[in-house]
PDB file of N, CA and C in Angstrom:
ATOM      1  N   MET A   1     120.591  68.036  17.388  1.00  0.00           N
ATOM      2  CA  MET A   1     119.403  68.679  16.987  1.00  0.00           C
ATOM      3  C   MET A   1     118.679  67.994  16.183  1.00  0.00           C
ATOM      4  N   SER A   2     117.361  67.864  16.185  1.00  0.00           N
ATOM      5  CA  SER A   2     116.698  66.854  15.379  1.00  0.00           C
ATOM      6  C   SER A   2     116.219  67.816  14.232  1.00  0.00           C
ATOM      7  N   PRO A   3     115.742  67.387  12.845  1.00  0.00           N
ATOM      8  CA  PRO A   3     115.146  67.803  11.668  1.00  0.00           C
ATOM      9  C   PRO A   3     114.300  69.038  12.294  1.00  0.00           C
ATOM     10  N   THR A   4     113.426  68.494  13.163  1.00  0.00           N
ATOM     11  CA  THR A   4     111.736  69.293  13.305  1.00  0.00           C
ATOM     12  C   THR A   4     112.567  70.598  14.235  1.00  0.00           C
ATOM     13  N   GLN A   5     113.482  70.335  15.267  1.00  0.00           N
ATOM     14  CA  GLN A   5     113.998  71.556  15.886  1.00  0.00           C
ATOM     15  C   GLN A   5     114.860  72.571  14.844  1.00  0.00           C
ATOM     16  N   LEU A   6     115.528  71.818  14.192  1.00  0.00           N
ATOM     17  CA  LEU A   6     116.171  72.792  13.003  1.00  0.00           C
ATOM     18  C   LEU A   6     115.281  73.482  11.866  1.00  0.00           C
ATOM     19  N   SER A   7     114.394  72.962  11.781  1.00  0.00           N
ATOM     20  CA  SER A   7     113.072  73.757  11.324  1.00  0.00           C
ATOM     21  C   SER A   7     112.633  74.774  11.690  1.00  0.00           C
ATOM     22  N   LYS A   8     112.467  74.750  13.289  1.00  0.00           N
ATOM     23  CA  LYS A   8     111.539  75.433  13.811  1.00  0.00           C
ATOM     24  C   LYS A   8     112.577  76.748  14.171  1.00  0.00           C
ATOM     25  N   LEU A   9     113.695  76.512  13.998  1.00  0.00           N
ATOM     26  CA  LEU A   9     115.116  77.622  14.256  1.00  0.00           C
ATOM     27  C   LEU A   9     115.115  78.273  12.978  1.00  0.00           C
ATOM     28  N   GLU A  10     114.825  77.680  11.725  1.00  0.00           N
ATOM     29  CA  GLU A  10     114.981  78.426  10.251  1.00  0.00           C
ATOM     30  C   GLU A  10     114.237  78.935  10.470  1.00  0.00           C
ATOM     31  N   ALA A  11     112.734  78.931  10.823  1.00  0.00           N
ATOM     32  CA  ALA A  11     111.650  79.456  10.883  1.00  0.00           C
ATOM     33  C   ALA A  11     111.622  80.801  11.171  1.00  0.00           C
ATOM     34  N   VAL A  12     111.909  80.792  12.575  1.00  0.00           N
ATOM     35  CA  VAL A  12     112.203  81.964  13.542  1.00  0.00           C
ATOM     36  C   VAL A  12     113.365  83.001  12.739  1.00  0.00           C
ATOM     37  N   MET A  13     114.336  82.311  12.102  1.00  0.00           N
ATOM     38  CA  MET A  13     115.226  83.457  11.431  1.00  0.00           C
ATOM     39  C   MET A  13     114.586  83.736  10.033  1.00  0.00           C
ATOM     40  N   ARG A  14     113.881  83.103   9.162  1.00  0.00           N
ATOM     41  CA  ARG A  14     113.249  83.554   8.154  1.00  0.00           C
ATOM     42  C   ARG A  14     112.352  84.573   8.594  1.00  0.00           C
ATOM     43  N   ILE A  15     111.487  84.283   9.558  1.00  0.00           N
ATOM     44  CA  ILE A  15     110.832  85.519  10.070  1.00  0.00           C
ATOM     45  C   ILE A  15     111.581  86.820  10.080  1.00  0.00           C
ATOM     46  N   VAL A  16     112.668  86.737  11.093  1.00  0.00           N
ATOM     47  CA  VAL A  16     113.491  88.050  11.268  1.00  0.00           C
ATOM     48  C   VAL A  16     114.076  88.653   9.827  1.00  0.00           C
ATOM     49  N   LEU A  17     114.325  87.737   9.067  1.00  0.00           N
ATOM     50  CA  LEU A  17     114.846  88.208   7.707  1.00  0.00           C
ATOM     51  C   LEU A  17     114.049  89.009   6.964  1.00  0.00           C
ATOM     52  N   THR A  18     112.891  88.540   7.061  1.00  0.00           N
ATOM     53  CA  THR A  18     111.570  88.955   6.167  1.00  0.00           C
ATOM     54  C   THR A  18     111.282  90.480   7.187  1.00  0.00           C
ATOM     55  N   PHE A  19     111.271  90.492   8.402  1.00  0.00           N
ATOM     56  CA  PHE A  19     111.245  91.596   8.995  1.00  0.00           C
ATOM     57  C   PHE A  19     112.000  92.871   8.272  1.00  0.00           C
ATOM     58  N   TYR A  20     113.410  92.348   8.168  1.00  0.00           N
ATOM     59  CA  TYR A  20     114.325  93.571   7.900  1.00  0.00           C
ATOM     60  C   TYR A  20     114.030  93.921   6.442  1.00  0.00           C
ATOM     61  N   GLU A  21     113.689  92.982   5.380  1.00  0.00           N
ATOM     62  CA  GLU A  21     113.200  93.331   4.343  1.00  0.00           C
ATOM     63  C   GLU A  21     112.049  94.202   4.135  1.00  0.00           C
ATOM     64  N   ALA A  22     111.249  93.899   4.915  1.00  0.00           N
ATOM     65  CA  ALA A  22     109.715  94.750   4.775  1.00  0.00           C
ATOM     66  C   ALA A  22     110.066  96.157   5.552  1.00  0.00           C
ATOM     67  N   PHE A  23     111.451  95.922   6.319  1.00  0.00           N
ATOM     68  CA  PHE A  23     111.648  97.284   6.989  1.00  0.00           C
ATOM     69  C   PHE A  23     112.477  98.218   5.671  1.00  0.00           C
ATOM     70  N   ASN A  24     113.136  97.500   5.143  1.00  0.00           N
ATOM     71  CA  ASN A  24     114.209  98.029   4.229  1.00  0.00           C
ATOM     72  C   ASN A  24     113.431  98.995   2.730  1.00  0.00           C
ATOM     73  N   GLN A  25     112.216  98.064   2.833  1.00  0.00           N
ATOM     74  CA  GLN A  25     111.250  98.560   1.800  1.00  0.00           C
ATOM     75  C   GLN A  25     110.161  99.780   2.267  1.00  0.00           C
ATOM     76  N   HIS A  26     110.793  99.915   3.785  1.00  0.00           N
ATOM     77  CA  HIS A  26     109.370 100.701   4.063  1.00  0.00           C
ATOM     78  C   HIS A  26     108.161 100.478   4.150  1.00  0.00           C
ATOM     79  N   ASP A  27     107.856  99.197   4.263  1.00  0.00           N
ATOM     80  CA  ASP A  27     106.714  98.757   4.177  1.00  0.00           C
ATOM     81  C   ASP A  27     105.927  98.271   5.308  1.00  0.00           C
ATOM     82  N   GLY A  28     105.166  99.230   6.070  1.00  0.00           N
ATOM     83  CA  GLY A  28     104.432  98.916   7.610  1.00  0.00           C
ATOM     84  C   GLY A  28     103.556  98.021   7.231  1.00  0.00           C
ATOM     85  N   ASP A  29     102.654  97.956   6.079  1.00  0.00           N
ATOM     86  CA  ASP A  29     101.812  96.907   6.563  1.00  0.00           C
ATOM     87  C   ASP A  29     102.470  95.769   6.851  1.00  0.00           C
ATOM     88  N   SER A  30     103.504  95.499   5.763  1.00  0.00           N
ATOM     89  CA  SER A  30     103.774  94.168   5.958  1.00  0.00           C
ATOM     90  C   SER A  30     104.734  93.729   7.421  1.00  0.00           C
ATOM     91  N   LEU A  31     105.245  94.959   7.745  1.00  0.00           N
ATOM     92  CA  LEU A  31     105.926  94.698   9.324  1.00  0.00           C
ATOM     93  C   LEU A  31     104.917  94.553  10.256  1.00  0.00           C
ATOM     94  N   LEU A  32     103.834  95.207  10.106  1.00  0.00           N
ATOM     95  CA  LEU A  32     102.780  94.536  11.090  1.00  0.00           C
ATOM     96  C   LEU A  32     102.149  93.312  10.910  1.00  0.00           C
ATOM     97  N   LYS A  33     102.405  92.872   9.923  1.00  0.00           N
ATOM     98  CA  LYS A  33     101.668  91.423   9.886  1.00  0.00           C
ATOM     99  C   LYS A  33     102.875  90.189  10.665  1.00  0.00           C
ATOM    100  N   LEU A  34     104.019  90.701  10.706  1.00  0.00           N
ATOM    101  CA  LEU A  34     104.652  89.832  11.323  1.00  0.00           C
ATOM    102  C   LEU A  34     104.969  90.003  12.996  1.00  0.00           C
ATOM    103  N   LEU A  35     104.133  90.972  13.459  1.00  0.00           N
ATOM    104  CA  LEU A  35     104.093  91.129  14.556  1.00  0.00           C
ATOM    105  C   LEU A  35     102.859  90.534  15.422  1.00  0.00           C
ATOM    106  N   SER A  36     102.969  89.964  16.728  1.00  0.00           N
ATOM    107  CA  SER A  36     101.666  89.841  17.670  1.00  0.00           C
ATOM    108  C   SER A  36     101.482  91.043  18.107  1.00  0.00           C
ATOM    109  N   ASP A  37     100.036  90.936  18.265  1.00  0.00           N
ATOM    110  CA  ASP A  37      99.391  91.905  18.810  1.00  0.00           C
ATOM    111  C   ASP A  37      99.763  92.794  20.082  1.00  0.00           C
ATOM    112  N   ASP A  38     100.385  92.151  20.973  1.00  0.00           N
ATOM    113  CA  ASP A  38     100.923  92.428  21.853  1.00  0.00           C
ATOM    114  C   ASP A  38     102.633  92.850  21.944  1.00  0.00           C
ATOM    115  N   CYS A  39     103.057  92.890  20.730  1.00  0.00           N
ATOM    116  CA  CYS A  39     104.383  93.082  20.553  1.00  0.00           C
ATOM    117  C   CYS A  39     104.899  94.150  21.111  1.00  0.00           C
ATOM    118  N   ILE A  40     106.433  94.162  21.690  1.00  0.00           N
ATOM    119  CA  ILE A  40     107.050  94.707  22.522  1.00  0.00           C
ATOM    120  C   ILE A  40     108.336  95.425  21.393  1.00  0.00           C
ATOM    121  N   ILE A  41     108.871  96.604  21.114  1.00  0.00           N
ATOM    122  CA  ILE A  41     109.785  96.739  20.475  1.00  0.00           C
ATOM    123  C   ILE A  41     110.548  98.186  21.519  1.00  0.00           C
ATOM    124  N   GLU A  42     111.681  97.953  21.694  1.00  0.00           N
ATOM    125  CA  GLU A  42     112.260  98.781  22.468  1.00  0.00           C
ATOM    126  C   GLU A  42     113.130  99.431  21.449  1.00  0.00           C
ATOM    127  N   ASP A  43     113.469 100.676  21.493  1.00  0.00           N
ATOM    128  CA  ASP A  43     114.304 101.555  20.421  1.00  0.00           C
ATOM    129  C   ASP A  43     115.557 101.947  21.107  1.00  0.00           C
ATOM    130  N   ILE A  44     116.473 102.329  20.425  1.00  0.00           N
ATOM    131  CA  ILE A  44     117.687 102.601  20.968  1.00  0.00           C
ATOM    132  C   ILE A  44     117.702 104.096  21.655  1.00  0.00           C
ATOM    133  N   SER A  45     116.945 105.092  21.420  1.00  0.00           N
ATOM    134  CA  SER A  45     117.008 106.308  22.181  1.00  0.00           C
ATOM    135  C   SER A  45     115.642 106.650  22.896  1.00  0.00           C
ATOM    136  N   PRO A  46     115.800 107.197  23.761  1.00  0.00           N
ATOM    137  CA  PRO A  46     116.722 107.934  24.148  1.00  0.00           C
ATOM    138  C   PRO A  46     117.992 107.309  25.084  1.00  0.00           C
ATOM    139  N   ALA A  47     119.230 107.377  24.907  1.00  0.00           N
ATOM    140  CA  ALA A  47     120.389 106.690  25.462  1.00  0.00           C
ATOM    141  C   ALA A  47     119.954 107.025  27.084  1.00  0.00           C
ATOM    142  N   PRO A  48     120.548 106.185  28.136  1.00  0.00           N
ATOM    143  CA  PRO A  48     120.845 104.763  27.574  1.00  0.00           C
ATOM    144  C   PRO A  48     119.899 103.818  27.739  1.00  0.00           C
ATOM    145  N   GLU A  49     118.688 104.174  28.083  1.00  0.00           N
ATOM    146  CA  GLU A  49     117.442 103.058  28.261  1.00  0.00           C
ATOM    147  C   GLU A  49     116.612 102.895  27.198  1.00  0.00           C
ATOM    148  N   GLY A  50     116.473 103.939  26.109  1.00  0.00           N
ATOM    149  CA  GLY A  50     115.690 103.917  25.163  1.00  0.00           C
ATOM    150  C   GLY A  50     114.097 103.977  25.099  1.00  0.00           C
ATOM    151  N   THR A  51     113.507 103.917  24.361  1.00  0.00           N
ATOM    152  CA  THR A  51     111.989 104.014  24.417  1.00  0.00           C
ATOM    153  C   THR A  51     111.434 102.571  24.026  1.00  0.00           C
ATOM    154  N   ILE A  52     110.278 102.366  24.793  1.00  0.00           N
ATOM    155  CA  ILE A  52     109.717 100.976  24.725  1.00  0.00           C
ATOM    156  C   ILE A  52     108.352 101.207  24.128  1.00  0.00           C
ATOM    157  N   TYR A  53     108.092 100.590  23.179  1.00  0.00           N
ATOM    158  CA  TYR A  53     106.607 100.846  21.857  1.00  0.00           C
ATOM    159  C   TYR A  53     105.752  99.113  22.126  1.00  0.00           C
ATOM    160  N   LYS A  54     104.671  99.446  22.980  1.00  0.00           N
ATOM    161  CA  LYS A  54     103.729  98.344  22.926  1.00  0.00           C
ATOM    162  C   LYS A  54     102.411  98.413  22.170  1.00  0.00           C
ATOM    163  N   GLY A  55     102.168  97.383  21.679  1.00  0.00           N
ATOM    164  CA  GLY A  55     101.388  97.152  20.752  1.00  0.00           C
ATOM    165  C   GLY A  55     101.305  97.689  19.095  1.00  0.00           C
ATOM    166  N   LYS A  56     100.509  97.116  18.292  1.00  0.00           N
ATOM    167  CA  LYS A  56     100.994  97.451  16.818  1.00  0.00           C
ATOM    168  C   LYS A  56     100.939  99.129  16.537  1.00  0.00           C
ATOM    169  N   VAL A  57      99.772  99.843  17.297  1.00  0.00           N
ATOM    170  CA  VAL A  57      99.428 101.107  16.910  1.00  0.00           C
ATOM    171  C   VAL A  57     100.624 101.667  17.221  1.00  0.00           C
ATOM    172  N   ALA A  58     101.070 101.971  18.489  1.00  0.00           N
ATOM    173  CA  ALA A  58     102.356 102.589  19.393  1.00  0.00           C
ATOM    174  C   ALA A  58     103.605 102.030  17.954  1.00  0.00           C
ATOM    175  N   ILE A  59     103.791 100.940  17.492  1.00  0.00           N
ATOM    176  CA  ILE A  59     104.641 100.527  16.704  1.00  0.00           C
ATOM    177  C   ILE A  59     104.564 101.297  15.452  1.00  0.00           C
ATOM    178  N   SER A  60     103.434 100.985  14.774  1.00  0.00           N
ATOM    179  CA  SER A  60     103.045 101.561  13.806  1.00  0.00           C
ATOM    180  C   SER A  60     103.470 103.195  13.644  1.00  0.00           C
ATOM    181  N   LEU A  61     103.048 103.725  14.549  1.00  0.00           N
ATOM    182  CA  LEU A  61     103.266 105.487  14.505  1.00  0.00           C
ATOM    183  C   LEU A  61     104.861 105.490  14.763  1.00  0.00           C
ATOM    184  N   PHE A  62     105.501 104.666  15.238  1.00  0.00           N
ATOM    185  CA  PHE A  62     107.007 104.877  15.469  1.00  0.00           C
ATOM    186  C   PHE A  62     107.757 104.548  14.233  1.00  0.00           C
ATOM    187  N   TRP A  63     107.286 103.550  13.587  1.00  0.00           N
ATOM    188  CA  TRP A  63     107.931 103.163  12.248  1.00  0.00           C
ATOM    189  C   TRP A  63     107.635 104.365  11.084  1.00  0.00           C
ATOM    190  N   GLU A  64     106.358 104.911  11.335  1.00  0.00           N
ATOM    191  CA  GLU A  64     105.932 106.151  10.164  1.00  0.00           C
ATOM    192  C   GLU A  64     106.529 107.072  10.573  1.00  0.00           C
ATOM    193  N   LYS A  65     107.339 107.468  11.491  1.00  0.00           N
ATOM    194  CA  LYS A  65     107.887 108.707  11.912  1.00  0.00           C
ATOM    195  C   LYS A  65     109.344 108.372  11.471  1.00  0.00           C
ATOM    196  N   ILE A  66     109.969 107.181  11.523  1.00  0.00           N
ATOM    197  CA  ILE A  66     111.200 106.637  10.993  1.00  0.00           C
ATOM    198  C   ILE A  66     111.288 107.031   9.397  1.00  0.00           C
ATOM    199  N   PHE A  67     110.322 106.308   8.948  1.00  0.00           N
ATOM    200  CA  PHE A  67     109.996 106.414   7.460  1.00  0.00           C
ATOM    201  C   PHE A  67     109.855 108.059   6.852  1.00  0.00           C
ATOM    202  N   ARG A  68     109.231 108.685   7.456  1.00  0.00           N
ATOM    203  CA  ARG A  68     108.883 109.740   7.115  1.00  0.00           C
ATOM    204  C   ARG A  68     110.017 111.256   7.451  1.00  0.00           C
ATOM    205  N   GLU A  69     110.924 110.739   8.482  1.00  0.00           N
ATOM    206  CA  GLU A  69     112.197 111.550   8.763  1.00  0.00           C
ATOM    207  C   GLU A  69     113.412 110.847   8.079  1.00  0.00           C
ATOM    208  N   SER A  70     113.344 109.661   7.584  1.00  0.00           N
ATOM    209  CA  SER A  70     114.654 109.027   7.285  1.00  0.00           C
ATOM    210  C   SER A  70     113.956 108.349   6.190  1.00  0.00           C
ATOM    211  N   PRO A  71     113.737 108.917   5.009  1.00  0.00           N
ATOM    212  CA  PRO A  71     113.123 107.659   3.710  1.00  0.00           C
ATOM    213  C   PRO A  71     114.214 107.412   3.017  1.00  0.00           C
ATOM    214  N   GLN A  72     115.578 107.126   3.767  1.00  0.00           N
ATOM    215  CA  GLN A  72     116.407 106.242   3.170  1.00  0.00           C
ATOM    216  C   GLN A  72     116.854 105.241   4.215  1.00  0.00           C
ATOM    217  N   ALA A  73     116.412 105.255   5.231  1.00  0.00           N
ATOM    218  CA  ALA A  73     116.588 103.947   6.161  1.00  0.00           C
ATOM    219  C   ALA A  73     116.904 102.922   5.806  1.00  0.00           C
ATOM    220  N   HIS A  74     118.137 102.292   6.084  1.00  0.00           N
ATOM    221  CA  HIS A  74     118.174 101.259   5.756  1.00  0.00           C
ATOM    222  C   HIS A  74     119.293  99.957   6.581  1.00  0.00           C
ATOM    223  N   PHE A  75     118.784  98.808   6.779  1.00  0.00           N
ATOM    224  CA  PHE A  75     119.458  98.025   7.718  1.00  0.00           C
ATOM    225  C   PHE A  75     120.372  96.868   6.737  1.00  0.00           C
ATOM    226  N   GLU A  76     121.957  97.046   7.000  1.00  0.00           N
ATOM    227  CA  GLU A  76     122.369  95.643   6.173  1.00  0.00           C
ATOM    228  C   GLU A  76     122.897  94.736   7.498  1.00  0.00           C
ATOM    229  N   ILE A  77     122.370  93.438   7.244  1.00  0.00           N
ATOM    230  CA  ILE A  77     122.541  92.329   7.985  1.00  0.00           C
ATOM    231  C   ILE A  77     124.162  92.003   8.026  1.00  0.00           C
ATOM    232  N   GLU A  78     124.786  91.898   9.091  1.00  0.00           N
ATOM    233  CA  GLU A  78     126.000  91.825   9.174  1.00  0.00           C
ATOM    234  C   GLU A  78     126.467  89.968   9.597  1.00  0.00           C
ATOM    235  N   GLU A  79     125.355  89.610  10.762  1.00  0.00           N
ATOM    236  CA  GLU A  79     125.557  88.441  11.199  1.00  0.00           C
ATOM    237  C   GLU A  79     123.915  88.036  12.018  1.00  0.00           C
ATOM    238  N   ILE A  80     123.615  86.797  11.830  1.00  0.00           N
ATOM    239  CA  ILE A  80     122.270  86.410  12.064  1.00  0.00           C
ATOM    240  C   ILE A  80     122.574  84.889  12.724  1.00  0.00           C
ATOM    241  N   PHE A  81     121.778  84.772  13.951  1.00  0.00           N
ATOM    242  CA  PHE A  81     121.654  83.189  14.409  1.00  0.00           C
ATOM    243  C   PHE A  81     120.664  83.178  15.392  1.00  0.00           C
ATOM    244  N   GLY A  82     119.973  81.715  15.695  1.00  0.00           N
ATOM    245  CA  GLY A  82     118.960  81.721  16.335  1.00  0.00           C
ATOM    246  C   GLY A  82     118.991  80.806  17.469  1.00  0.00           C
ATOM    247  N   LEU A  83     118.282  80.712  18.359  1.00  0.00           N
ATOM    248  CA  LEU A  83     118.662  79.474  19.555  1.00  0.00           C
ATOM    249  C   LEU A  83     117.045  79.503  19.908  1.00  0.00           C
ATOM    250  N   GLY A  84     116.163  78.479  19.258  1.00  0.00           N
ATOM    251  CA  GLY A  84     115.100  78.713  19.841  1.00  0.00           C
ATOM    252  C   GLY A  84     114.045  79.233  19.463  1.00  0.00           C
ATOM    253  N   ALA A  85     113.549  80.106  20.427  1.00  0.00           N
ATOM    254  CA  ALA A  85     112.566  81.014  20.164  1.00  0.00           C
ATOM    255  C   ALA A  85     113.246  82.695  20.000  1.00  0.00           C
ATOM    256  N   ARG A  86     114.322  82.526  19.937  1.00  0.00           N
ATOM    257  CA  ARG A  86     115.178  83.608  19.900  1.00  0.00           C
ATOM    258  C   ARG A  86     115.776  83.879  18.719  1.00  0.00           C
ATOM    259  N   CYS A  87     116.384  85.211  18.379  1.00  0.00           N
ATOM    260  CA  CYS A  87     117.118  85.273  16.974  1.00  0.00           C
ATOM    261  C   CYS A  87     118.240  86.433  17.465  1.00  0.00           C
ATOM    262  N   VAL A  88     119.038  86.881  17.129  1.00  0.00           N
ATOM    263  CA  VAL A  88     119.996  87.708  17.274  1.00  0.00           C
ATOM    264  C   VAL A  88     120.790  88.291  15.804  1.00  0.00           C
ATOM    265  N   VAL A  89     120.466  89.564  15.653  1.00  0.00           N
ATOM    266  CA  VAL A  89     121.062  90.041  14.520  1.00  0.00           C
ATOM    267  C   VAL A  89     121.823  91.141  14.804  1.00  0.00           C
ATOM    268  N   ARG A  90     122.969  91.274  14.300  1.00  0.00           N
ATOM    269  CA  ARG A  90     124.107  91.878  14.157  1.00  0.00           C
ATOM    270  C   ARG A  90     124.117  92.648  12.963  1.00  0.00           C
ATOM    271  N   TRP A  91     123.791  94.379  13.222  1.00  0.00           N
ATOM    272  CA  TRP A  91     123.627  94.953  11.793  1.00  0.00           C
ATOM    273  C   TRP A  91     124.199  96.268  11.540  1.00  0.00           C
ATOM    274  N   SER A  92     124.133  96.901  10.331  1.00  0.00           N
ATOM    275  CA  SER A  92     124.630  98.636  10.394  1.00  0.00           C
ATOM    276  C   SER A  92     123.250  99.090   9.979  1.00  0.00           C
ATOM    277  N   TYR A  93     123.591 100.238  10.063  1.00  0.00           N
ATOM    278  CA  TYR A  93     122.029 101.134   9.867  1.00  0.00           C
ATOM    279  C   TYR A  93     122.800 102.502   9.098  1.00  0.00           C
ATOM    280  N   ASN A  94     122.229 102.675   8.237  1.00  0.00           N
ATOM    281  CA  ASN A  94     122.439 104.138   7.485  1.00  0.00           C
ATOM    282  C   ASN A  94     120.952 104.732   6.907  1.00  0.00           C
ATOM    283  N   SER A  95     121.538 105.842   6.974  1.00  0.00           N
ATOM    284  CA  SER A  95     120.063 106.749   6.452  1.00  0.00           C
ATOM    285  C   SER A  95     120.595 108.022   6.314  1.00  0.00           C
ATOM    286  N   LEU A  96     119.792 108.729   5.452  1.00  0.00           N
ATOM    287  CA  LEU A  96     119.763 110.223   5.241  1.00  0.00           C
ATOM    288  C   LEU A  96     118.547 110.799   5.388  1.00  0.00           C
ATOM    289  N   SER A  97     118.511 111.567   6.420  1.00  0.00           N
ATOM    290  CA  SER A  97     117.194 112.459   6.766  1.00  0.00           C
ATOM    291  C   SER A  97     116.711 113.456   5.896  1.00  0.00           C
ATOM    292  N   THR A  98     115.859 114.029   5.920  1.00  0.00           N
ATOM    293  CA  THR A  98     115.087 114.993   4.883  1.00  0.00           C
ATOM    294  C   THR A  98     115.862 116.097   5.115  1.00  0.00           C
ATOM    295  N   ASP A  99     116.514 116.283   5.758  1.00  0.00           N
ATOM    296  CA  ASP A  99     117.485 117.558   5.935  1.00  0.00           C
ATOM    297  C   ASP A  99     118.735 117.332   5.467  1.00  0.00           C
ATOM    298  N   GLY A 100     119.112 116.433   4.989  1.00  0.00           N
ATOM    299  CA  GLY A 100     120.539 115.802   4.588  1.00  0.00           C
ATOM    300  C   GLY A 100     121.396 115.458   5.049  1.00  0.00           C
ATOM    301  N   ARG A 101     121.140 115.087   6.663  1.00  0.00           N
ATOM    302  CA  ARG A 101     121.959 114.423   7.342  1.00  0.00           C
ATOM    303  C   ARG A 101     122.479 112.842   7.257  1.00  0.00           C
ATOM    304  N   LYS A 102     123.697 112.710   7.322  1.00  0.00           N
ATOM    305  CA  LYS A 102     123.778 111.263   7.070  1.00  0.00           C
ATOM    306  C   LYS A 102     123.932 110.982   8.754  1.00  0.00           C
ATOM    307  N   THR A 103     123.337 109.198   8.729  1.00  0.00           N
ATOM    308  CA  THR A 103     123.673 108.851   9.780  1.00  0.00           C
ATOM    309  C   THR A 103     123.835 107.278   9.470  1.00  0.00           C
ATOM    310  N   HIS A 104     124.761 106.936  10.411  1.00  0.00           N
ATOM    311  CA  HIS A 104     125.475 105.567  10.429  1.00  0.00           C
ATOM    312  C   HIS A 104     125.695 105.122  11.871  1.00  0.00           C
ATOM    313  N   PHE A 105     125.164 104.074  11.929  1.00  0.00           N
ATOM    314  CA  PHE A 105     125.807 103.195  13.457  1.00  0.00           C
ATOM    315  C   PHE A 105     125.853 101.415  13.163  1.00  0.00           C
ATOM    316  N   ARG A 106     126.405 100.939  14.263  1.00  0.00           N
ATOM    317  CA  ARG A 106     125.966  99.702  14.122  1.00  0.00           C
ATOM    318  C   ARG A 106     125.653  99.085  15.585  1.00  0.00           C
ATOM    319  N   GLY A 107     124.764  97.799  15.327  1.00  0.00           N
ATOM    320  CA  GLY A 107     123.995  97.506  16.624  1.00  0.00           C
ATOM    321  C   GLY A 107     123.769  95.907  16.556  1.00  0.00           C
ATOM    322  N   ALA A 108     123.068  95.796  17.585  1.00  0.00           N
ATOM    323  CA  ALA A 108     122.379  94.367  17.362  1.00  0.00           C
ATOM    324  C   ALA A 108     120.871  94.697  17.814  1.00  0.00           C
ATOM    325  N   ASP A 109     120.209  93.429  17.605  1.00  0.00           N
ATOM    326  CA  ASP A 109     118.918  93.306  17.828  1.00  0.00           C
ATOM    327  C   ASP A 109     118.569  91.994  18.568  1.00  0.00           C
ATOM    328  N   ILE A 110     117.893  91.503  19.321  1.00  0.00           N
ATOM    329  CA  ILE A 110     117.442  90.401  19.998  1.00  0.00           C
ATOM    330  C   ILE A 110     115.882  90.446  19.471  1.00  0.00           C
ATOM    331  N   PHE A 111     115.506  89.364  19.166  1.00  0.00           N
ATOM    332  CA  PHE A 111     114.031  88.938  18.785  1.00  0.00           C
ATOM    333  C   PHE A 111     113.566  88.001  19.508  1.00  0.00           C
ATOM    334  N   LYS A 112     112.247  88.136  19.955  1.00  0.00           N
ATOM    335  CA  LYS A 112     111.747  86.586  20.372  1.00  0.00           C
ATOM    336  C   LYS A 112     110.421  86.278  19.558  1.00  0.00           C
ATOM    337  N   VAL A 113     110.326  85.316  18.615  1.00  0.00           N
ATOM    338  CA  VAL A 113     109.178  84.837  18.126  1.00  0.00           C
ATOM    339  C   VAL A 113     108.246  83.916  18.713  1.00  0.00           C
ATOM    340  N   THR A 114     107.144  83.757  18.709  1.00  0.00           N
ATOM    341  CA  THR A 114     106.103  83.155  19.395  1.00  0.00           C
ATOM    342  C   THR A 114     105.090  82.916  18.480  1.00  0.00           C
ATOM    343  N   ASN A 115     104.399  81.710  18.027  1.00  0.00           N
ATOM    344  CA  ASN A 115     103.702  81.070  17.105  1.00  0.00           C
ATOM    345  C   ASN A 115     103.696  81.762  15.879  1.00  0.00           C
ATOM    346  N   GLY A 116     104.797  82.075  15.262  1.00  0.00           N
ATOM    347  CA  GLY A 116     105.241  82.548  13.899  1.00  0.00           C
ATOM    348  C   GLY A 116     105.311  83.920  13.940  1.00  0.00           C
ATOM    349  N   LEU A 117     105.213  84.754  15.210  1.00  0.00           N
ATOM    350  CA  LEU A 117     105.015  86.240  14.851  1.00  0.00           C
ATOM    351  C   LEU A 117     106.251  86.857  16.125  1.00  0.00           C
ATOM    352  N   ILE A 118     106.433  87.952  15.744  1.00  0.00           N
ATOM    353  CA  ILE A 118     107.423  88.847  16.237  1.00  0.00           C
ATOM    354  C   ILE A 118     106.715  89.072  17.548  1.00  0.00           C
ATOM    355  N   CYS A 119     107.105  88.775  18.990  1.00  0.00           N
ATOM    356  CA  CYS A 119     106.782  89.316  20.251  1.00  0.00           C
ATOM    357  C   CYS A 119     106.984  90.376  21.018  1.00  0.00           C
ATOM    358  N   GLU A 120     108.538  90.256  20.357  1.00  0.00           N
ATOM    359  CA  GLU A 120     109.619  91.275  21.118  1.00  0.00           C
ATOM    360  C   GLU A 120     110.733  91.890  20.376  1.00  0.00           C
ATOM    361  N   GLN A 121     111.267  93.003  20.161  1.00  0.00           N
ATOM    362  CA  GLN A 121     112.607  93.057  19.628  1.00  0.00           C
ATOM    363  C   GLN A 121     113.230  94.192  20.409  1.00  0.00           C
ATOM    364  N   LEU A 122     114.462  93.943  20.888  1.00  0.00           N
ATOM    365  CA  LEU A 122     114.945  94.639  21.592  1.00  0.00           C
ATOM    366  C   LEU A 122     116.652  95.040  20.781  1.00  0.00           C
ATOM    367  N   SER A 123     116.479  96.304  21.173  1.00  0.00           N
ATOM    368  CA  SER A 123     117.602  96.963  20.070  1.00  0.00           C
ATOM    369  C   SER A 123     118.825  97.529  20.853  1.00  0.00           C
ATOM    370  N   TYR A 124     120.102  97.248  20.532  1.00  0.00           N
ATOM    371  CA  TYR A 124     121.027  98.123  21.029  1.00  0.00           C
ATOM    372  C   TYR A 124     122.085  98.358  20.228  1.00  0.00           C
ATOM    373  N   VAL A 125     123.084  99.545  20.442  1.00  0.00           N
ATOM    374  CA  VAL A 125     123.822  99.742  19.606  1.00  0.00           C
ATOM    375  C   VAL A 125     125.081 100.381  20.179  1.00  0.00           C
ATOM    376  N   LYS A 126     126.362 100.637  19.370  1.00  0.00           N
ATOM    377  CA  LYS A 126     127.875 100.915  19.981  1.00  0.00           C
ATOM    378  C   LYS A 126     127.649 102.040  19.936  1.00  0.00           C
ATOM    379  N   CYS A 127     128.193 102.759  21.343  1.00  0.00           N
ATOM    380  CA  CYS A 127     128.282 103.716  21.476  1.00  0.00           C
ATOM    381  C   CYS A 127     129.663 104.513  20.743  1.00  0.00           C
TER     382      CYS A 127
END
């Protein structure tokens, strides 16, 4: 692998790490700056197929709901690796809802980054 290829791969992983940092800070504005206008995010629920959110407006509303209902929502990255425009992250998720329910699960996200912006995030969880 050439230094240029390695640099591009590292850039994709840095964008994804920045995504998780912004999510953990519940910083919707910073999250949106990381997305392409036509970004697609596939949520984990309802099982088994999940819900697809297309475009920044739909995605922003989705995140606002998460942050409102789970003000302590937080991801811990367990492993991250990339290949070209793709990046895979294995994570654990913890939250405490406004009504006191604790949530914990583990899963993985597959990202696609094009022109320095996330254009796709597909999420999967362990059952």
